[in-house]
């Protein structure tokens, strides 16, 4: 099998969103309002070839099929760090 496997114990859905965001081209924001700690396993791939059936489904499909969660594109305010100036270190 080819793909990614994420197994987590006692994690929040917000933490799951952060982990999935690391695999995608942008951040994932938890808007489920699900509280508490969860155990889950998620298996996905960036590509899925239905002719061989050997790869895991794409992450969007894996979230829906395996965890019952829907990933939707949208806009959200995000905090980020801006580096405005960098200097070379001085010799000792």
Protein backbone atom coordinates (compact mmCIF):
# COMPACT_ATOMS: atom_id res chain seq x y z
CA UNK A 1 0.00 0.00 0.00
CA UNK A 2 1.13 3.55 -0.73
CA UNK A 3 0.04 6.50 1.31
CA UNK A 4 0.04 8.23 4.64
CA UNK A 5 -1.25 6.80 7.90
CA UNK A 6 -2.04 9.04 10.85
CA UNK A 7 -2.82 7.31 14.14
CA UNK A 8 -3.62 9.50 17.13
CA UNK A 9 -4.82 8.82 20.65
CA UNK A 10 -6.41 11.40 22.91
CA UNK A 11 -6.25 14.29 20.43
CA UNK A 12 -8.63 17.17 19.78
CA UNK A 13 -10.24 17.75 16.41
CA UNK A 14 -8.36 21.05 16.32
CA UNK A 15 -5.08 19.11 16.54
CA UNK A 16 -6.26 16.82 13.72
CA UNK A 17 -6.91 19.94 11.61
CA UNK A 18 -3.37 21.16 12.31
CA UNK A 19 -1.86 17.81 11.33
CA UNK A 20 -3.89 17.62 8.11
CA UNK A 21 -3.02 21.25 7.32
CA UNK A 22 0.64 20.24 7.33
CA UNK A 23 -0.10 17.86 4.46
CA UNK A 24 -2.09 20.34 2.36
CA UNK A 25 -1.23 23.59 0.60
CA UNK A 26 -2.83 25.70 3.32
CA UNK A 27 -4.12 25.73 6.87
CA UNK A 28 -7.11 23.70 8.02
CA UNK A 29 -9.46 25.34 10.53
CA UNK A 30 -11.61 23.25 12.88
CA UNK A 31 -15.23 24.41 12.66
CA UNK A 32 -16.83 21.18 13.89
CA UNK A 33 -17.55 22.36 17.46
CA UNK A 34 -16.63 18.83 18.59
CA UNK A 35 -15.13 18.96 22.08
CA UNK A 36 -13.11 16.37 23.92
CA UNK A 37 -10.27 14.02 23.11
CA UNK A 38 -10.52 11.48 20.31
CA UNK A 39 -8.70 8.39 19.08
CA UNK A 40 -8.53 8.04 15.31
CA UNK A 41 -6.65 6.54 12.40
CA UNK A 42 -6.66 8.13 8.98
CA UNK A 43 -5.16 6.64 5.81
CA UNK A 44 -4.81 8.74 2.67
CA UNK A 45 -2.72 9.44 -0.40
CA UNK A 46 -2.17 12.42 -2.66
CA UNK A 47 -3.24 10.26 -5.61
CA UNK A 48 -5.67 7.36 -5.99
CA UNK A 49 -5.64 4.92 -8.89
CA UNK A 50 -8.95 3.05 -8.96
CA UNK A 51 -7.63 0.58 -11.55
CA UNK A 52 -5.13 -0.93 -9.11
CA UNK A 53 -6.90 -0.14 -5.83
CA UNK A 54 -3.50 -0.12 -4.13
CA UNK A 55 -3.34 3.49 -3.04
CA UNK A 56 -5.29 5.17 -0.28
CA UNK A 57 -7.95 7.74 -1.24
CA UNK A 58 -7.18 11.49 -1.33
CA UNK A 59 -7.26 13.20 2.08
CA UNK A 60 -10.66 14.84 1.45
CA UNK A 61 -12.27 11.46 0.68
CA UNK A 62 -10.43 9.74 3.54
CA UNK A 63 -11.74 12.29 6.07
CA UNK A 64 -15.31 11.74 4.85
CA UNK A 65 -15.16 7.95 4.52
CA UNK A 66 -13.07 7.11 7.58
CA UNK A 67 -13.98 9.82 10.10
CA UNK A 68 -17.24 11.31 8.80
CA UNK A 69 -15.67 14.77 8.49
CA UNK A 70 -16.03 17.11 5.52
CA UNK A 71 -13.17 19.28 4.31
CA UNK A 72 -14.39 22.49 2.65
CA UNK A 73 -12.43 25.32 1.09
CA UNK A 74 -13.12 28.72 2.59
CA UNK A 75 -11.61 31.89 3.96
CA UNK A 76 -10.48 32.51 7.50
CA UNK A 77 -8.45 35.10 9.36
CA UNK A 78 -5.00 33.74 10.16
CA UNK A 79 -2.16 35.01 12.31
CA UNK A 80 1.33 34.83 10.85
CA UNK A 81 4.83 36.08 11.52
CA UNK A 82 6.46 38.61 9.20
CA UNK A 83 10.27 38.98 9.18
CA UNK A 84 11.03 42.50 7.99
CA UNK A 85 14.79 42.58 8.40
CA UNK A 86 17.66 40.10 8.74
CA UNK A 87 21.29 40.85 9.56
CA UNK A 88 24.31 38.59 9.32
CA UNK A 89 25.75 37.63 12.72
CA UNK A 90 28.83 39.53 13.89
CA UNK A 91 32.07 37.52 14.27
CA UNK A 92 33.09 36.58 17.82
